[in-house]
Amino acid sequence: MQALSRILKQTAVLDLPPVDCMLGADGSQWIVEAADNEGYKYINRWSHNFGPIHDFGIFALKLTGWRYEIY
């Protein structure tokens, strides 16, 4: 869990504000959810190919063991 704590600190994704759901015909929808004693948070971004949401999303995908061409 040290790696998860590290990426959360590096990207600060849980400090980003949620935004309205935006959809498109092509791209990725990145949704990050978290719950703790302080409550529930979500971050929703459409098609970010760089930045903190993307970095956290790639980290999370790698945890699955699935292989994608994007990393």
PDB file of N, CA and C in Angstrom:
ATOM      1  N   MET A   1       0.801  -1.200   0.000  1.00  0.00           N
ATOM      2  CA  MET A   1       0.000   0.000   0.000  1.00  0.00           C
ATOM      3  C   MET A   1       0.849   1.271   0.000  1.00  0.00           C
ATOM      4  N   GLN A   2       2.157   1.125   0.174  1.00  0.00           N
ATOM      5  CA  GLN A   2       3.022   2.293   0.122  1.00  0.00           C
ATOM      6  C   GLN A   2       2.984   2.944  -1.253  1.00  0.00           C
ATOM      7  N   ALA A   3       2.913   2.116  -2.294  1.00  0.00           N
ATOM      8  CA  ALA A   3       2.873   2.660  -3.653  1.00  0.00           C
ATOM      9  C   ALA A   3       1.589   3.465  -3.864  1.00  0.00           C
ATOM     10  N   LEU A   4       0.468   2.964  -3.337  1.00  0.00           N
ATOM     11  CA  LEU A   4      -0.800   3.685  -3.460  1.00  0.00           C
ATOM     12  C   LEU A   4      -0.729   5.011  -2.708  1.00  0.00           C
ATOM     13  N   SER A   5      -0.223   4.998  -1.496  1.00  0.00           N
ATOM     14  CA  SER A   5      -0.081   6.239  -0.719  1.00  0.00           C
ATOM     15  C   SER A   5       0.823   7.233  -1.444  1.00  0.00           C
ATOM     16  N   ARG A   6       1.891   6.721  -2.032  1.00  0.00           N
ATOM     17  CA  ARG A   6       2.842   7.581  -2.745  1.00  0.00           C
ATOM     18  C   ARG A   6       2.191   8.240  -3.964  1.00  0.00           C
ATOM     19  N   ILE A   7       1.469   7.466  -4.779  1.00  0.00           N
ATOM     20  CA  ILE A   7       0.851   8.045  -5.986  1.00  0.00           C
ATOM     21  C   ILE A   7      -0.269   9.017  -5.615  1.00  0.00           C
ATOM     22  N   LEU A   8      -0.991   8.721  -4.541  1.00  0.00           N
ATOM     23  CA  LEU A   8      -2.029   9.659  -4.103  1.00  0.00           C
ATOM     24  C   LEU A   8      -1.400  10.978  -3.659  1.00  0.00           C
ATOM     25  N   LYS A   9      -0.273  10.903  -2.985  1.00  0.00           N
ATOM     26  CA  LYS A   9       0.408  12.122  -2.549  1.00  0.00           C
ATOM     27  C   LYS A   9       1.003  12.870  -3.741  1.00  0.00           C
ATOM     28  N   GLN A  10       1.637  12.139  -4.666  1.00  0.00           N
ATOM     29  CA  GLN A  10       2.271  12.760  -5.840  1.00  0.00           C
ATOM     30  C   GLN A  10       1.247  13.460  -6.722  1.00  0.00           C
ATOM     31  N   THR A  11       0.126  12.798  -6.990  1.00  0.00           N
ATOM     32  CA  THR A  11      -0.855  13.336  -7.925  1.00  0.00           C
ATOM     33  C   THR A  11      -1.874  14.255  -7.268  1.00  0.00           C
ATOM     34  N   ALA A  12      -2.112  14.071  -5.968  1.00  0.00           N
ATOM     35  CA  ALA A  12      -3.110  14.846  -5.217  1.00  0.00           C
ATOM     36  C   ALA A  12      -4.486  14.786  -5.886  1.00  0.00           C
ATOM     37  N   VAL A  13      -4.805  13.656  -6.515  1.00  0.00           N
ATOM     38  CA  VAL A  13      -6.082  13.550  -7.220  1.00  0.00           C
ATOM     39  C   VAL A  13      -7.276  13.738  -6.292  1.00  0.00           C
ATOM     40  N   LEU A  14      -7.147  13.339  -5.037  1.00  0.00           N
ATOM     41  CA  LEU A  14      -8.280  13.471  -4.125  1.00  0.00           C
ATOM     42  C   LEU A  14      -8.499  14.902  -3.663  1.00  0.00           C
ATOM     43  N   ASP A  15      -7.591  15.801  -4.014  1.00  0.00           N
ATOM     44  CA  ASP A  15      -7.761  17.218  -3.704  1.00  0.00           C
ATOM     45  C   ASP A  15      -8.387  17.987  -4.869  1.00  0.00           C
ATOM     46  N   LEU A  16      -8.533  17.337  -6.019  1.00  0.00           N
ATOM     47  CA  LEU A  16      -9.132  17.988  -7.184  1.00  0.00           C
ATOM     48  C   LEU A  16     -10.654  18.053  -7.009  1.00  0.00           C
ATOM     49  N   PRO A  17     -11.287  19.104  -7.524  1.00  0.00           N
ATOM     50  CA  PRO A  17     -12.746  19.186  -7.418  1.00  0.00           C
ATOM     51  C   PRO A  17     -13.417  18.260  -8.428  1.00  0.00           C
ATOM     52  N   PRO A  18     -14.591  17.716  -8.073  1.00  0.00           N
ATOM     53  CA  PRO A  18     -15.335  16.949  -9.076  1.00  0.00           C
ATOM     54  C   PRO A  18     -15.877  17.914 -10.132  1.00  0.00           C
ATOM     55  N   VAL A  19     -16.129  17.406 -11.317  1.00  0.00           N
ATOM     56  CA  VAL A  19     -16.744  18.217 -12.370  1.00  0.00           C
ATOM     57  C   VAL A  19     -17.925  17.444 -12.928  1.00  0.00           C
ATOM     58  N   ASP A  20     -18.765  18.157 -13.689  1.00  0.00           N
ATOM     59  CA  ASP A  20     -19.919  17.494 -14.297  1.00  0.00           C
ATOM     60  C   ASP A  20     -19.465  16.380 -15.221  1.00  0.00           C
ATOM     61  N   CYS A  21     -20.322  15.409 -15.401  1.00  0.00           N
ATOM     62  CA  CYS A  21     -20.022  14.290 -16.302  1.00  0.00           C
ATOM     63  C   CYS A  21     -20.007  14.795 -17.735  1.00  0.00           C
ATOM     64  N   MET A  22     -18.886  14.627 -18.377  1.00  0.00           N
ATOM     65  CA  MET A  22     -18.769  14.968 -19.793  1.00  0.00           C
ATOM     66  C   MET A  22     -18.506  13.672 -20.541  1.00  0.00           C
ATOM     67  N   LEU A  23     -19.149  13.505 -21.653  1.00  0.00           N
ATOM     68  CA  LEU A  23     -18.966  12.304 -22.458  1.00  0.00           C
ATOM     69  C   LEU A  23     -18.509  12.677 -23.849  1.00  0.00           C
ATOM     70  N   GLY A  24     -17.898  11.756 -24.516  1.00  0.00           N
ATOM     71  CA  GLY A  24     -17.464  11.970 -25.883  1.00  0.00           C
ATOM     72  C   GLY A  24     -17.537  10.679 -26.659  1.00  0.00           C
ATOM     73  N   ALA A  25     -17.267  10.763 -27.928  1.00  0.00           N
ATOM     74  CA  ALA A  25     -17.325   9.585 -28.783  1.00  0.00           C
ATOM     75  C   ALA A  25     -16.019   8.796 -28.756  1.00  0.00           C
ATOM     76  N   ASP A  26     -14.947   9.428 -28.339  1.00  0.00           N
ATOM     77  CA  ASP A  26     -13.653   8.777 -28.327  1.00  0.00           C
ATOM     78  C   ASP A  26     -12.854   9.320 -27.152  1.00  0.00           C
ATOM     79  N   GLY A  27     -12.085   8.484 -26.516  1.00  0.00           N
ATOM     80  CA  GLY A  27     -11.270   8.927 -25.394  1.00  0.00           C
ATOM     81  C   GLY A  27     -11.488   8.050 -24.182  1.00  0.00           C
ATOM     82  N   SER A  28     -11.123   8.561 -23.029  1.00  0.00           N
ATOM     83  CA  SER A  28     -11.210   7.814 -21.780  1.00  0.00           C
ATOM     84  C   SER A  28     -11.947   8.632 -20.736  1.00  0.00           C
ATOM     85  N   GLN A  29     -12.693   7.953 -19.909  1.00  0.00           N
ATOM     86  CA  GLN A  29     -13.309   8.600 -18.765  1.00  0.00           C
ATOM     87  C   GLN A  29     -12.602   8.079 -17.524  1.00  0.00           C
ATOM     88  N   TRP A  30     -11.989   8.966 -16.775  1.00  0.00           N
ATOM     89  CA  TRP A  30     -11.248   8.611 -15.576  1.00  0.00           C
ATOM     90  C   TRP A  30     -12.087   8.988 -14.365  1.00  0.00           C
ATOM     91  N   ILE A  31     -12.451   8.008 -13.569  1.00  0.00           N
ATOM     92  CA  ILE A  31     -13.220   8.236 -12.352  1.00  0.00           C
ATOM     93  C   ILE A  31     -12.424   7.675 -11.181  1.00  0.00           C
ATOM     94  N   VAL A  32     -12.172   8.508 -10.203  1.00  0.00           N
ATOM     95  CA  VAL A  32     -11.475   8.095  -8.991  1.00  0.00           C
ATOM     96  C   VAL A  32     -12.431   8.314  -7.828  1.00  0.00           C
ATOM     97  N   GLU A  33     -12.648   7.275  -7.033  1.00  0.00           N
ATOM     98  CA  GLU A  33     -13.534   7.363  -5.879  1.00  0.00           C
ATOM     99  C   GLU A  33     -12.758   6.989  -4.623  1.00  0.00           C
ATOM    100  N   ALA A  34     -13.108   7.622  -3.517  1.00  0.00           N
ATOM    101  CA  ALA A  34     -12.471   7.308  -2.241  1.00  0.00           C
ATOM    102  C   ALA A  34     -13.462   7.537  -1.109  1.00  0.00           C
ATOM    103  N   ALA A  35     -13.353   6.720  -0.091  1.00  0.00           N
ATOM    104  CA  ALA A  35     -14.179   6.880   1.099  1.00  0.00           C
ATOM    105  C   ALA A  35     -13.307   6.658   2.330  1.00  0.00           C
ATOM    106  N   ASP A  36     -13.502   7.499   3.331  1.00  0.00           N
ATOM    107  CA  ASP A  36     -12.799   7.338   4.600  1.00  0.00           C
ATOM    108  C   ASP A  36     -13.699   7.886   5.710  1.00  0.00           C
ATOM    109  N   ASN A  37     -13.142   8.097   6.873  1.00  0.00           N
ATOM    110  CA  ASN A  37     -13.923   8.591   8.005  1.00  0.00           C
ATOM    111  C   ASN A  37     -14.498   9.974   7.761  1.00  0.00           C
ATOM    112  N   GLU A  38     -13.903  10.714   6.837  1.00  0.00           N
ATOM    113  CA  GLU A  38     -14.369  12.068   6.531  1.00  0.00           C
ATOM    114  C   GLU A  38     -15.481  12.080   5.485  1.00  0.00           C
ATOM    115  N   GLY A  39     -15.731  10.952   4.830  1.00  0.00           N
ATOM    116  CA  GLY A  39     -16.808  10.890   3.852  1.00  0.00           C
ATOM    117  C   GLY A  39     -16.369  10.305   2.520  1.00  0.00           C
ATOM    118  N   TYR A  40     -17.137  10.628   1.481  1.00  0.00           N
ATOM    119  CA  TYR A  40     -16.958  10.088   0.134  1.00  0.00           C
ATOM    120  C   TYR A  40     -16.517  11.206  -0.795  1.00  0.00           C
ATOM    121  N   LYS A  41     -15.608  10.900  -1.712  1.00  0.00           N
ATOM    122  CA  LYS A  41     -15.151  11.831  -2.742  1.00  0.00           C
ATOM    123  C   LYS A  41     -15.110  11.125  -4.080  1.00  0.00           C
ATOM    124  N   TYR A  42     -15.347  11.873  -5.125  1.00  0.00           N
ATOM    125  CA  TYR A  42     -15.127  11.336  -6.468  1.00  0.00           C
ATOM    126  C   TYR A  42     -14.535  12.423  -7.345  1.00  0.00           C
ATOM    127  N   ILE A  43     -13.744  11.988  -8.303  1.00  0.00           N
ATOM    128  CA  ILE A  43     -13.163  12.858  -9.314  1.00  0.00           C
ATOM    129  C   ILE A  43     -13.531  12.252 -10.651  1.00  0.00           C
ATOM    130  N   ASN A  44     -14.032  13.050 -11.564  1.00  0.00           N
ATOM    131  CA  ASN A  44     -14.494  12.561 -12.857  1.00  0.00           C
ATOM    132  C   ASN A  44     -13.922  13.467 -13.948  1.00  0.00           C
ATOM    133  N   ARG A  45     -13.121  12.901 -14.806  1.00  0.00           N
ATOM    134  CA  ARG A  45     -12.541  13.687 -15.905  1.00  0.00           C
ATOM    135  C   ARG A  45     -12.646  12.897 -17.210  1.00  0.00           C
ATOM    136  N   TRP A  46     -12.884  13.611 -18.298  1.00  0.00           N
ATOM    137  CA  TRP A  46     -12.967  13.001 -19.615  1.00  0.00           C
ATOM    138  C   TRP A  46     -11.657  13.178 -20.363  1.00  0.00           C
ATOM    139  N   SER A  47     -11.120  12.091 -20.840  1.00  0.00           N
ATOM    140  CA  SER A  47     -10.038  12.040 -21.815  1.00  0.00           C
ATOM    141  C   SER A  47      -8.785  12.826 -21.458  1.00  0.00           C
ATOM    142  N   HIS A  48      -8.348  12.737 -20.222  1.00  0.00           N
ATOM    143  CA  HIS A  48      -7.079  13.357 -19.851  1.00  0.00           C
ATOM    144  C   HIS A  48      -5.943  12.413 -20.244  1.00  0.00           C
ATOM    145  N   ASN A  49      -5.080  12.855 -21.144  1.00  0.00           N
ATOM    146  CA  ASN A  49      -3.945  12.048 -21.585  1.00  0.00           C
ATOM    147  C   ASN A  49      -2.657  12.437 -20.872  1.00  0.00           C
ATOM    148  N   PHE A  50      -2.760  13.311 -19.900  1.00  0.00           N
ATOM    149  CA  PHE A  50      -1.605  13.758 -19.139  1.00  0.00           C
ATOM    150  C   PHE A  50      -2.120  14.322 -17.818  1.00  0.00           C
ATOM    151  N   GLY A  51      -1.225  14.522 -16.891  1.00  0.00           N
ATOM    152  CA  GLY A  51      -1.589  15.150 -15.629  1.00  0.00           C
ATOM    153  C   GLY A  51      -1.920  14.161 -14.533  1.00  0.00           C
ATOM    154  N   PRO A  52      -2.368  14.652 -13.386  1.00  0.00           N
ATOM    155  CA  PRO A  52      -2.545  13.803 -12.215  1.00  0.00           C
ATOM    156  C   PRO A  52      -3.600  12.708 -12.369  1.00  0.00           C
ATOM    157  N   ILE A  53      -4.704  12.999 -13.022  1.00  0.00           N
ATOM    158  CA  ILE A  53      -5.741  11.972 -13.205  1.00  0.00           C
ATOM    159  C   ILE A  53      -5.203  10.841 -14.073  1.00  0.00           C
ATOM    160  N   HIS A  54      -4.544  11.180 -15.150  1.00  0.00           N
ATOM    161  CA  HIS A  54      -3.968  10.178 -16.044  1.00  0.00           C
ATOM    162  C   HIS A  54      -2.907   9.346 -15.321  1.00  0.00           C
ATOM    163  N   ASP A  55      -2.020  10.007 -14.591  1.00  0.00           N
ATOM    164  CA  ASP A  55      -0.961   9.291 -13.879  1.00  0.00           C
ATOM    165  C   ASP A  55      -1.539   8.309 -12.859  1.00  0.00           C
ATOM    166  N   PHE A  56      -2.552   8.745 -12.115  1.00  0.00           N
ATOM    167  CA  PHE A  56      -3.175   7.849 -11.147  1.00  0.00           C
ATOM    168  C   PHE A  56      -3.910   6.712 -11.859  1.00  0.00           C
ATOM    169  N   GLY A  57      -4.598   7.024 -12.945  1.00  0.00           N
ATOM    170  CA  GLY A  57      -5.326   5.996 -13.694  1.00  0.00           C
ATOM    171  C   GLY A  57      -4.405   4.918 -14.249  1.00  0.00           C
ATOM    172  N   ILE A  58      -3.269   5.306 -14.792  1.00  0.00           N
ATOM    173  CA  ILE A  58      -2.301   4.332 -15.304  1.00  0.00           C
ATOM    174  C   ILE A  58      -1.775   3.470 -14.160  1.00  0.00           C
ATOM    175  N   PHE A  59      -1.485   4.083 -13.014  1.00  0.00           N
ATOM    176  CA  PHE A  59      -1.052   3.327 -11.837  1.00  0.00           C
ATOM    177  C   PHE A  59      -2.111   2.280 -11.471  1.00  0.00           C
ATOM    178  N   ALA A  60      -3.381   2.698 -11.408  1.00  0.00           N
ATOM    179  CA  ALA A  60      -4.462   1.785 -11.030  1.00  0.00           C
ATOM    180  C   ALA A  60      -4.625   0.661 -12.054  1.00  0.00           C
ATOM    181  N   LEU A  61      -4.526   0.979 -13.339  1.00  0.00           N
ATOM    182  CA  LEU A  61      -4.631  -0.058 -14.374  1.00  0.00           C
ATOM    183  C   LEU A  61      -3.517  -1.092 -14.241  1.00  0.00           C
ATOM    184  N   LYS A  62      -2.320  -0.640 -13.925  1.00  0.00           N
ATOM    185  CA  LYS A  62      -1.205  -1.575 -13.765  1.00  0.00           C
ATOM    186  C   LYS A  62      -1.438  -2.531 -12.599  1.00  0.00           C
ATOM    187  N   LEU A  63      -2.161  -2.092 -11.573  1.00  0.00           N
ATOM    188  CA  LEU A  63      -2.470  -2.971 -10.443  1.00  0.00           C
ATOM    189  C   LEU A  63      -3.323  -4.172 -10.858  1.00  0.00           C
ATOM    190  N   THR A  64      -4.082  -4.024 -11.924  1.00  0.00           N
ATOM    191  CA  THR A  64      -4.959  -5.111 -12.376  1.00  0.00           C
ATOM    192  C   THR A  64      -4.186  -6.260 -13.003  1.00  0.00           C
ATOM    193  N   GLY A  65      -2.984  -5.966 -13.535  1.00  0.00           N
ATOM    194  CA  GLY A  65      -2.228  -6.979 -14.251  1.00  0.00           C
ATOM    195  C   GLY A  65      -2.622  -7.065 -15.719  1.00  0.00           C
ATOM    196  N   TRP A  66      -3.630  -6.303 -16.117  1.00  0.00           N
ATOM    197  CA  TRP A  66      -4.043  -6.268 -17.510  1.00  0.00           C
ATOM    198  C   TRP A  66      -3.005  -5.501 -18.316  1.00  0.00           C
ATOM    199  N   ARG A  67      -2.874  -5.810 -19.593  1.00  0.00           N
ATOM    200  CA  ARG A  67      -1.924  -5.134 -20.472  1.00  0.00           C
ATOM    201  C   ARG A  67      -2.672  -4.249 -21.462  1.00  0.00           C
ATOM    202  N   TYR A  68      -2.221  -3.015 -21.564  1.00  0.00           N
ATOM    203  CA  TYR A  68      -2.785  -2.051 -22.500  1.00  0.00           C
ATOM    204  C   TYR A  68      -1.654  -1.466 -23.309  1.00  0.00           C
ATOM    205  N   GLU A  69      -1.971  -0.975 -24.488  1.00  0.00           N
ATOM    206  CA  GLU A  69      -0.946  -0.350 -25.337  1.00  0.00           C
ATOM    207  C   GLU A  69      -0.534   1.019 -24.815  1.00  0.00           C
ATOM    208  N   ILE A  70      -1.264   1.594 -23.878  1.00  0.00           N
ATOM    209  CA  ILE A  70      -0.984   2.959 -23.441  1.00  0.00           C
ATOM    210  C   ILE A  70       0.145   3.042 -22.432  1.00  0.00           C
ATOM    211  N   TYR A  71       0.621   1.906 -21.913  1.00  0.00           N
ATOM    212  CA  TYR A  71       1.761   1.966 -20.984  1.00  0.00           C
ATOM    213  C   TYR A  71       2.694   0.825 -21.204  1.00  0.00           C
TER     214      TYR A  71
END
